[in-house]
Protein backbone atom coordinates (compact mmCIF):
# COMPACT_ATOMS: atom_id res chain seq x y z
CA MET A 1 14.81 31.66 -6.61
CA ALA A 2 14.21 28.44 -4.65
CA LYS A 3 16.49 25.50 -5.41
CA ILE A 4 14.69 22.14 -5.71
CA LEU A 5 16.38 18.73 -5.71
CA VAL A 6 14.42 15.87 -7.33
CA ALA A 7 16.01 12.64 -6.09
CA ASP A 8 13.76 10.09 -7.86
CA PRO A 9 12.45 9.82 -11.44
CA LEU A 10 9.55 12.19 -12.03
CA ALA A 11 7.32 12.71 -15.07
CA GLU A 12 8.23 15.65 -17.31
CA ASP A 13 4.95 17.47 -16.68
CA GLY A 14 5.69 17.30 -12.94
CA LEU A 15 9.19 18.66 -13.48
CA GLU A 16 7.80 21.46 -15.59
CA ARG A 17 5.51 22.56 -12.76
CA LEU A 18 8.43 22.54 -10.35
CA ARG A 19 10.49 24.66 -12.76
CA ARG A 20 7.84 27.37 -12.52
CA ALA A 21 8.58 27.58 -8.79
CA GLY A 22 12.36 27.41 -8.81
CA GLU A 23 15.62 26.01 -10.13
CA VAL A 24 15.28 22.23 -10.47
CA THR A 25 18.12 19.68 -10.26
CA VAL A 26 17.32 16.04 -11.06
CA VAL A 27 19.76 13.42 -9.75
CA SER A 28 18.38 9.90 -9.16
CA LYS A 29 19.67 6.88 -7.20
CA LEU A 30 21.83 8.84 -4.77
CA ALA A 31 23.32 6.95 -1.85
CA GLU A 32 22.60 8.44 1.56
CA ALA A 33 26.13 9.85 1.91
CA GLU A 34 25.94 11.57 -1.47
CA LEU A 35 22.51 13.03 -0.71
CA ILE A 36 23.83 14.34 2.62
CA ARG A 37 26.67 16.02 0.70
CA ARG A 38 24.35 17.67 -1.82
CA ILE A 39 21.31 18.62 0.27
CA PRO A 40 22.77 21.72 2.04
CA ASP A 41 22.39 23.75 -1.17
CA PHE A 42 18.65 23.11 -1.62
CA ASP A 43 15.45 24.64 -0.29
CA ALA A 44 13.18 21.70 -1.23
CA LEU A 45 13.55 17.95 -1.77
CA VAL A 46 11.18 15.85 -3.88
CA VAL A 47 11.22 12.04 -3.80
CA ARG A 48 9.02 9.11 -4.71
CA SER A 49 9.28 5.71 -3.00
CA GLU A 50 12.88 4.82 -3.88
CA THR A 51 14.78 7.39 -1.81
CA ARG A 52 14.63 7.25 1.98
CA VAL A 53 14.81 10.70 3.56
CA THR A 54 16.53 9.91 6.85
CA ALA A 55 17.25 12.12 9.86
CA PRO A 56 20.91 12.68 8.84
CA ILE A 57 19.77 13.90 5.42
CA ILE A 58 17.24 16.25 7.01
CA ASP A 59 19.77 17.52 9.54
CA ALA A 60 22.22 18.26 6.71
CA GLY A 61 19.58 20.29 4.85
CA HIS A 62 20.29 23.62 6.49
CA LYS A 63 18.16 25.46 3.91
CA LEU A 64 15.40 22.87 3.60
CA ARG A 65 11.88 24.19 3.95
CA VAL A 66 9.83 21.34 2.46
CA VAL A 67 10.18 17.65 1.63
CA GLY A 68 7.62 16.32 -0.84
CA ARG A 69 6.63 12.77 -1.76
CA ALA A 70 5.23 12.38 -5.29
CA GLY A 71 2.76 9.67 -4.34
CA VAL A 72 0.79 8.14 -1.49
CA GLY A 73 2.13 8.12 2.07
CA VAL A 74 5.31 9.46 3.67
CA ASP A 75 6.68 6.21 5.10
CA ASN A 76 10.09 6.77 3.47
CA ILE A 77 10.49 10.20 5.12
CA ASP A 78 11.57 10.71 8.75
CA VAL A 79 8.65 12.99 9.62
CA SER A 80 9.72 13.39 13.26
CA ALA A 81 13.15 14.67 12.24
CA ALA A 82 11.58 17.07 9.76
CA THR A 83 9.11 18.32 12.35
CA ARG A 84 11.87 19.02 14.84
CA ARG A 85 13.58 21.14 12.20
CA GLY A 86 10.36 22.94 11.22
CA ILE A 87 10.43 21.39 7.74
CA LEU A 88 7.05 20.83 6.06
CA VAL A 89 6.41 17.28 4.80
CA VAL A 90 3.77 16.94 2.08
CA ASN A 91 2.64 14.33 -0.42
CA ALA A 92 0.25 13.83 -3.32
CA PRO A 93 -2.23 11.23 -2.04
CA ARG A 94 -4.48 11.47 -5.10
CA GLY A 95 -1.69 11.75 -7.64
CA ASN A 96 -1.80 8.09 -8.76
CA ILE A 97 -5.56 7.65 -9.08
CA VAL A 98 -5.87 8.65 -12.72
CA ALA A 99 -2.67 6.79 -13.58
CA ALA A 100 -4.03 3.59 -12.00
CA ALA A 101 -7.36 3.96 -13.80
CA GLU A 102 -5.70 4.57 -17.15
CA HIS A 103 -3.36 1.61 -16.66
CA THR A 104 -6.38 -0.57 -15.95
CA ILE A 105 -7.95 0.50 -19.24
CA ALA A 106 -4.64 -0.13 -21.02
CA LEU A 107 -4.58 -3.69 -19.67
CA LEU A 108 -8.24 -4.13 -20.60
CA PHE A 109 -7.47 -3.32 -24.24
CA SER A 110 -4.32 -5.45 -24.12
CA LEU A 111 -6.42 -8.43 -23.02
CA ALA A 112 -9.17 -7.73 -25.53
CA ARG A 113 -6.83 -7.39 -28.53
CA TRP A 114 -3.81 -9.52 -27.41
CA VAL A 115 -1.55 -6.51 -27.96
CA PRO A 116 1.59 -7.74 -26.11
CA GLN A 117 1.35 -11.20 -27.68
CA ALA A 118 0.88 -9.79 -31.18
CA ASP A 119 3.83 -7.43 -30.72
CA ALA A 120 6.09 -10.28 -29.60
CA SER A 121 4.92 -12.43 -32.53
CA VAL A 122 5.71 -9.79 -35.15
CA LYS A 123 9.14 -9.20 -33.60
CA ARG A 124 9.81 -12.93 -33.94
CA GLY A 125 9.24 -12.57 -37.68
CA GLU A 126 5.73 -14.07 -37.70
CA TRP A 127 2.59 -12.69 -39.36
CA THR A 128 -0.30 -14.73 -37.91
CA ARG A 129 -3.11 -12.19 -38.04
CA THR A 130 -6.04 -14.51 -37.26
CA LYS A 131 -4.42 -15.61 -34.02
CA PHE A 132 -4.69 -12.13 -32.48
CA ILE A 133 -8.08 -10.84 -33.65
CA GLY A 134 -9.42 -10.65 -30.10
CA THR A 135 -12.79 -9.19 -29.10
CA GLU A 136 -14.55 -5.81 -29.04
CA VAL A 137 -15.18 -4.09 -25.72
CA ARG A 138 -18.19 -2.08 -26.92
CA GLY A 139 -21.39 -3.59 -25.58
CA LYS A 140 -19.55 -5.80 -23.11
CA THR A 141 -20.10 -5.75 -19.34
CA LEU A 142 -17.33 -4.55 -17.04
CA GLY A 143 -17.45 -5.73 -13.44
CA VAL A 144 -15.70 -3.36 -11.00
CA ILE A 145 -14.80 -4.88 -7.62
CA GLY A 146 -14.34 -1.86 -5.32
CA LEU A 147 -16.01 1.41 -6.29
CA GLY A 148 -13.53 3.71 -4.54
CA ASN A 149 -11.35 6.37 -6.12
CA VAL A 150 -9.74 4.21 -8.81
CA GLY A 151 -12.75 1.96 -9.38
CA SER A 152 -15.04 4.92 -10.00
CA GLU A 153 -12.54 6.48 -12.43
CA VAL A 154 -12.37 3.18 -14.32
CA ALA A 155 -16.18 3.07 -14.45
CA LYS A 156 -16.34 6.56 -15.97
CA ARG A 157 -13.87 5.58 -18.69
CA ALA A 158 -15.70 2.34 -19.39
CA HIS A 159 -18.91 4.24 -20.08
CA GLY A 160 -16.99 6.26 -22.66
CA LEU A 161 -16.11 2.96 -24.35
CA GLU A 162 -19.85 2.11 -24.48
CA MET A 163 -19.54 -0.66 -21.93
CA ASP A 164 -22.16 -1.59 -19.34
CA VAL A 165 -20.79 -1.38 -15.80
CA VAL A 166 -21.75 -3.30 -12.66
CA ALA A 167 -19.94 -3.05 -9.35
CA TYR A 168 -19.52 -4.88 -6.06
CA ASP A 169 -18.63 -2.88 -2.97
CA PRO A 170 -20.31 -3.76 0.34
CA VAL A 171 -19.61 -0.37 1.93
CA VAL A 172 -20.63 1.92 -0.93
CA ALA A 173 -24.08 3.50 -0.86
CA VAL A 174 -26.46 3.11 -3.78
CA GLU A 175 -26.41 6.90 -4.18
CA ARG A 176 -22.65 6.87 -4.87
CA ALA A 177 -23.05 4.11 -7.44
CA GLU A 178 -25.80 6.08 -9.15
CA LEU A 179 -23.44 9.05 -9.48
CA PHE A 180 -21.31 6.92 -11.82
CA ASN A 181 -24.26 5.22 -13.53
CA VAL A 182 -23.22 1.89 -12.05
CA ALA A 183 -25.49 -0.94 -10.88
CA LEU A 184 -24.52 -2.42 -7.51
CA VAL A 185 -24.69 -6.23 -7.41
CA THR A 186 -23.45 -9.05 -5.22
CA LEU A 187 -20.01 -10.53 -5.91
CA PRO A 188 -21.43 -13.79 -7.37
CA GLU A 189 -23.75 -11.79 -9.63
CA LEU A 190 -20.83 -9.67 -10.85
CA LEU A 191 -18.67 -12.71 -11.57
CA GLU A 192 -21.46 -14.41 -13.52
CA GLN A 193 -22.43 -11.34 -15.58
CA ALA A 194 -19.16 -9.60 -16.43
CA ASP A 195 -17.08 -10.07 -19.59
CA PHE A 196 -14.20 -8.10 -18.05
CA ILE A 197 -13.55 -7.90 -14.31
CA THR A 198 -11.23 -5.39 -12.63
CA VAL A 199 -10.13 -5.36 -8.98
CA HIS A 200 -9.78 -2.12 -6.96
CA VAL A 201 -9.90 -3.00 -3.26
CA PRO A 202 -7.20 -2.76 -0.56
CA LEU A 203 -5.43 -5.87 0.72
CA VAL A 204 -6.99 -6.40 4.14
CA ASP A 205 -7.75 -9.76 5.74
CA SER A 206 -11.31 -9.77 4.44
CA ASN A 207 -10.04 -9.29 0.87
CA ARG A 208 -7.15 -11.76 0.91
CA ASN A 209 -7.81 -14.37 -1.81
CA LEU A 210 -11.12 -12.63 -2.45
CA LEU A 211 -11.06 -14.28 -5.87
CA GLY A 212 -10.16 -17.93 -5.31
CA ALA A 213 -10.99 -21.13 -7.13
CA ASP A 214 -14.70 -21.02 -6.24
CA GLU A 215 -15.08 -17.42 -7.39
CA LEU A 216 -13.12 -17.95 -10.60
CA ALA A 217 -15.39 -20.91 -11.37
CA LEU A 218 -18.37 -18.53 -11.48
CA MET A 219 -16.86 -16.46 -14.29
CA LYS A 220 -17.63 -16.96 -17.96
CA PRO A 221 -15.05 -19.05 -19.84
CA THR A 222 -14.67 -16.04 -22.16
CA ALA A 223 -14.12 -13.58 -19.29
CA ARG A 224 -10.93 -11.62 -18.70
CA LEU A 225 -9.62 -10.56 -15.27
CA ILE A 226 -7.48 -7.50 -14.38
CA ASN A 227 -5.77 -6.77 -11.05
CA THR A 228 -4.01 -3.42 -10.58
CA ALA A 229 -4.82 -3.17 -6.86
CA ARG A 230 -2.70 -5.44 -4.64
CA GLY A 231 -1.14 -8.86 -4.89
CA GLY A 232 -2.91 -11.40 -2.68
CA ILE A 233 -6.45 -10.34 -3.57
CA VAL A 234 -6.50 -12.89 -6.40
CA ASP A 235 -5.38 -16.43 -5.54
CA GLU A 236 -2.48 -16.78 -7.98
CA ALA A 237 -2.40 -20.59 -7.89
CA ALA A 238 -6.13 -20.80 -8.61
CA LEU A 239 -5.80 -18.22 -11.37
CA CYS A 240 -2.95 -20.17 -12.97
CA THR A 241 -5.05 -23.35 -12.97
CA ALA A 242 -8.06 -21.54 -14.47
CA LEU A 243 -5.95 -20.04 -17.28
CA GLN A 244 -4.19 -23.32 -18.03
CA SER A 245 -7.43 -25.30 -18.20
CA GLY A 246 -9.26 -22.79 -20.36
CA ARG A 247 -11.74 -22.11 -17.55
CA LEU A 248 -10.81 -18.43 -17.94
CA ALA A 249 -9.89 -16.76 -21.22
CA ALA A 250 -7.17 -14.40 -20.04
CA ALA A 251 -5.88 -12.26 -17.16
CA ALA A 252 -3.55 -9.35 -16.54
CA ALA A 253 -1.82 -8.18 -13.36
CA ASP A 254 0.26 -5.18 -12.36
CA VAL A 255 0.72 -6.56 -8.84
CA PHE A 256 1.80 -9.86 -7.30
CA GLU A 257 1.92 -11.50 -3.88
CA GLN A 258 5.72 -11.48 -4.14
CA GLU A 259 7.37 -8.60 -5.98
CA PRO A 260 9.37 -9.12 -8.12
CA PRO A 261 7.37 -12.30 -8.88
CA GLY A 262 10.42 -14.46 -9.65
CA ALA A 263 9.65 -17.86 -11.16
CA ASN A 264 5.88 -17.41 -10.94
CA PRO A 265 4.15 -19.98 -13.22
CA LEU A 266 1.70 -17.32 -14.40
CA LEU A 267 4.53 -15.66 -16.31
CA SER A 268 4.89 -18.69 -18.60
CA LEU A 269 1.26 -18.62 -19.75
CA PRO A 270 0.43 -17.15 -23.20
CA ASN A 271 -2.92 -15.81 -21.98
CA PHE A 272 -1.47 -13.85 -19.06
CA ILE A 273 -0.14 -10.27 -19.29
CA ALA A 274 2.12 -8.79 -16.58
CA THR A 275 3.46 -5.32 -15.84
CA PRO A 276 5.89 -4.42 -12.99
CA HIS A 277 3.61 -2.54 -10.55
CA ILE A 278 3.55 0.64 -12.60
CA GLY A 279 -0.12 1.49 -12.40
CA GLY A 280 -0.04 3.61 -9.24
CA ALA A 281 -1.65 2.88 -5.87
CA ARG A 282 -5.18 3.47 -4.59
CA VAL A 283 -5.67 5.57 -1.46
CA SER A 284 -6.92 2.87 0.86
CA GLY A 285 -9.40 3.09 3.68
CA ILE A 286 -9.30 2.66 7.44
CA GLU A 287 -11.16 -0.19 9.10
CA MET A 288 -11.81 -0.04 12.84
CA ASP A 289 -13.30 -2.79 14.99
CA PHE A 290 -14.58 -1.92 18.48
CA GLU A 291 -15.14 -4.97 20.68
CA GLY A 292 -16.40 -5.57 24.20
CA GLU A 293 -17.50 -2.78 26.54
CA LEU A 294 -16.03 -0.18 24.18
CA ALA A 295 -18.61 -1.04 21.53
CA GLU A 296 -21.36 0.40 23.74
CA HIS A 297 -19.74 3.84 24.03
CA ASP A 298 -19.09 6.85 21.82
CA VAL A 299 -15.91 6.04 19.87
CA ASN A 300 -15.68 9.31 17.96
CA LEU A 301 -12.45 10.36 19.69
CA LEU A 302 -10.77 7.04 18.84
CA VAL A 303 -11.85 7.30 15.19
CA ALA A 304 -10.56 10.87 15.03
CA SER A 305 -7.26 9.80 16.61
CA ALA A 306 -6.77 7.09 13.98
CA ILE A 307 -7.46 9.54 11.16
CA LYS A 308 -5.17 12.12 12.74
CA GLY A 309 -2.39 9.58 13.14
CA LEU A 310 -2.65 8.71 9.47
CA LEU A 311 -2.94 12.22 8.03
CA GLN A 312 -1.38 14.71 10.46
CA PRO A 313 2.26 14.04 9.47
CA PHE A 314 1.65 15.31 5.95
CA THR A 315 -1.05 17.97 6.20
CA GLU A 316 -1.19 21.46 7.64
CA GLU A 317 -4.88 21.08 8.50
CA ARG A 318 -5.71 20.85 12.19
CA ILE A 319 -7.43 17.49 12.64
CA ASN A 320 -9.80 16.95 15.56
CA ALA A 321 -12.93 15.04 16.51
CA VAL A 322 -15.11 17.60 14.74
CA ASN A 323 -13.51 17.55 11.29
CA ALA A 324 -11.60 14.24 11.10
CA ARG A 325 -14.21 12.31 9.12
CA LEU A 326 -14.72 15.22 6.73
CA ILE A 327 -10.98 15.55 6.06
CA ALA A 328 -10.68 11.80 5.48
CA GLY A 329 -13.60 11.88 3.07
CA ASN A 330 -12.16 14.82 1.16
CA ARG A 331 -8.95 12.84 0.68
CA GLY A 332 -10.84 9.84 -0.65
CA ILE A 333 -10.19 7.69 2.42
CA LYS A 334 -12.95 5.18 3.12
CA LEU A 335 -13.78 4.68 6.80
CA VAL A 336 -15.39 1.44 7.99
CA GLU A 337 -16.47 0.99 11.62
CA ARG A 338 -17.70 -2.26 13.20
CA ARG A 339 -18.95 -2.95 16.74
CA THR A 340 -19.02 -6.31 18.53
CA ARG A 341 -20.27 -6.47 22.10
CA GLY A 342 -18.37 -9.55 23.25
CA HIS A 343 -14.65 -10.35 23.33
CA GLY A 344 -13.16 -13.32 25.11
CA SER A 345 -9.69 -12.01 25.98
CA TYR A 346 -10.16 -8.34 26.90
CA ALA A 347 -12.90 -6.18 28.37
CA SER A 348 -12.42 -3.85 25.39
CA LEU A 349 -10.38 -4.07 22.22
CA VAL A 350 -9.89 -1.75 19.28
CA THR A 351 -8.37 -2.97 16.00
CA VAL A 352 -7.20 -0.65 13.21
CA ARG A 353 -6.55 -1.98 9.69
CA MET A 354 -4.82 -0.09 6.88
CA GLU A 355 -2.91 -1.11 3.74
CA GLY A 356 -3.06 -4.81 4.49
CA HIS A 357 -1.78 -4.47 8.06
CA GLU A 358 -3.52 -4.28 11.41
CA ILE A 359 -2.82 -3.43 15.02
CA ALA A 360 -5.01 -4.17 18.03
CA GLY A 361 -4.87 -2.39 21.37
CA THR A 362 -6.51 -2.25 24.75
CA LEU A 363 -6.06 -0.80 28.26
CA LEU A 364 -4.27 -2.94 30.87
CA MET A 365 -3.96 -1.59 34.41
CA GLY A 366 -4.90 1.82 33.06
CA GLU A 367 -2.11 1.84 30.45
CA PRO A 368 -2.50 1.61 26.68
CA ARG A 369 -1.10 -1.62 25.21
CA ALA A 370 -0.69 -2.94 21.69
CA VAL A 371 -1.60 -6.62 21.92
CA ARG A 372 -1.42 -7.72 18.29
CA ILE A 373 0.41 -6.61 15.14
CA ASP A 374 -0.90 -8.45 12.08
CA SER A 375 -0.96 -12.14 13.12
CA PHE A 376 1.64 -11.73 15.89
CA ARG A 377 0.67 -11.39 19.55
CA VAL A 378 2.61 -8.71 21.43
CA ASP A 379 2.49 -6.81 24.72
CA LEU A 380 3.79 -3.37 23.88
CA PHE A 381 3.56 -0.08 25.73
CA PRO A 382 3.56 2.31 22.75
CA GLU A 383 6.21 4.78 23.85
CA GLY A 384 9.94 4.86 23.29
CA ARG A 385 12.38 3.62 20.66
CA PHE A 386 11.88 0.33 18.88
CA LEU A 387 13.40 -1.89 16.23
CA VAL A 388 10.70 -3.90 14.46
CA SER A 389 11.85 -6.74 12.25
CA ARG A 390 10.30 -9.44 10.10
CA HIS A 391 12.57 -12.36 9.43
CA GLU A 392 12.80 -16.09 8.90
CA ASP A 393 12.33 -18.11 12.08
CA ARG A 394 15.72 -19.80 12.12
CA PRO A 395 18.67 -20.04 14.53
CA GLY A 396 21.13 -17.18 14.67
CA VAL A 397 19.01 -14.24 13.50
CA VAL A 398 18.15 -12.89 16.96
CA GLY A 399 21.69 -13.46 18.23
CA LYS A 400 23.26 -11.67 15.28
CA VAL A 401 20.98 -8.66 15.77
CA GLY A 402 21.93 -8.50 19.44
CA SER A 403 25.63 -8.74 18.63
CA ILE A 404 25.50 -5.88 16.12
CA LEU A 405 23.63 -3.64 18.57
CA GLY A 406 26.15 -4.50 21.29
CA GLU A 407 29.06 -3.61 19.03
CA HIS A 408 27.55 -0.14 18.59
CA ASP A 409 26.65 0.38 22.27
CA VAL A 410 22.89 0.25 21.70
CA ASN A 411 21.26 -1.09 24.86
CA ILE A 412 18.28 -3.44 24.56
CA ALA A 413 15.56 -2.69 27.13
CA SER A 414 13.19 -5.52 26.22
CA MET A 415 12.54 -8.04 23.44
CA GLN A 416 9.46 -9.76 22.10
CA VAL A 417 9.51 -12.43 19.39
CA GLY A 418 6.52 -14.06 17.74
CA ARG A 419 6.18 -16.47 14.82
CA ASP A 420 3.41 -17.89 12.69
CA THR A 421 4.84 -21.44 12.51
CA PRO A 422 8.09 -23.11 13.59
CA ARG A 423 10.76 -22.28 11.00
CA GLY A 424 8.26 -20.01 9.32
CA ASN A 425 7.98 -16.20 9.53
CA ALA A 426 8.78 -14.27 12.69
CA MET A 427 8.38 -10.74 14.06
CA MET A 428 10.71 -9.25 16.67
CA ILE A 429 10.18 -6.02 18.59
CA LEU A 430 13.20 -4.67 20.45
CA ALA A 431 12.80 -1.73 22.79
CA VAL A 432 16.13 0.13 22.84
CA ASP A 433 17.44 2.90 25.06
CA ASP A 434 19.45 4.62 22.34
CA ARG A 435 18.85 5.88 18.83
CA VAL A 436 19.99 3.48 16.12
CA ALA A 437 22.22 5.11 13.50
CA PRO A 438 21.59 4.55 9.76
CA ASP A 439 24.82 2.60 9.30
CA VAL A 440 23.78 0.23 12.10
CA LEU A 441 20.36 -0.22 10.48
CA SER A 442 22.11 -1.06 7.22
CA ARG A 443 24.13 -3.79 8.92
CA LEU A 444 21.03 -5.18 10.62
CA ARG A 445 19.16 -5.35 7.32
CA GLU A 446 21.99 -7.45 5.90
CA VAL A 447 21.56 -10.20 8.52
CA GLY A 448 20.74 -13.49 6.83
CA GLY A 449 17.01 -14.23 6.88
CA MET A 450 16.02 -10.59 7.47
CA SER A 451 13.17 -9.49 5.20
CA ASP A 452 12.26 -6.13 6.75
CA LEU A 453 13.61 -3.99 9.61
CA ARG A 454 12.47 -0.57 10.75
CA TYR A 455 13.41 1.87 13.49
CA VAL A 456 10.43 3.53 15.16
CA GLU A 457 10.13 6.30 17.72
CA LEU A 458 6.82 6.66 19.56
CA GLY A 459 6.30 9.64 21.86
CA THR A 460 10.05 10.36 21.98
CA THR A 461 11.60 13.39 20.35
CA SER A 462 14.81 13.86 22.29
CA ASP A 463 17.40 11.88 24.16
CA GLY A 464 16.07 13.26 27.42
């Protein structure tokens, strides 16, 4: 019988399914050293987002045949190390869709009936019934911003509650909306008509602060807003002002621009409900912009390459130019392509956006080059070993990183540093000649001002 180690909290129904396949051991919050000590006895490892499955862990798993992520993505698993060992890496990209939709409905009812506020009042010894009567949802209009996987599931549930549903999604066909009995409208029309509004779009540049002060001003004073998608889609400062002034009746959020939200003024408002990002994540789409000469040519191979890069690490399906779009569609991944004939800086430029991040690339002297990562300009030949950091732009950070690498005999081949503003946020890309051990990465992440640091290998699988 297969032995399965579950290293992060998992729902009981999920554990029960695993028990049908083998002997299950559940031990959460293991340090890397302890997981390395335990993993040799197991055939399979299951994690969520908390546990990082590093190369040393994989190398210690002499019996490992599969590593599974209960959720979207495999960014916390060293897929290259697993591939070298012939270990299958899988995930459950659609596993959170129903959970996110149900959490949205839970927040909708909480806003309609003031459930959290009433609970807190009773526990304080009060009995003020008239204060928490709330409103019925039957016969009300629900506005769904983003009719993707989660948005469409929310729409189906809203119909069961006898609500009317309108939706805004500029890349969804009328035929898809009709499948869910949803009327497609413009964003201003949705904001003006809806009694409840729920957000289900990815955080890309075009959606950042999608709902700001001007948009919130279009909503009914009695309307209630729900965001279970991503922090940054709703302008939190504008939302706080609208709730304080009575311009908006109430709002609920499972996500924030900064998580945990800390001393966010929204949390002090009686008409705001918060949960700690427990609703589950939507499978986001891929946006690709083709600019310059490239826009006039067939870009099917580039689109297929982007889809393959996203999906190949955690699927056994062979992805190529023929089936890439079909496979992406079957996994609920929305693909958006744009073409612009002119570009001032490069003859051709391709930009790929996913999960709120973007990378732009071109050909220079016949070689592929990454020329922008998010808002930072770079000049990167995408092959080799790299340390990529995001940190505060302040004296001492770069020097400390260099000192730590020098202490551990890691040679720096090149360095690029960019920043958004002086003393603001910075990105550093170090090309290194040697692999960076986990204990060194731990020390680097402890450098003052460091917010994120990752080790990346591109096109390199061995020291040779």
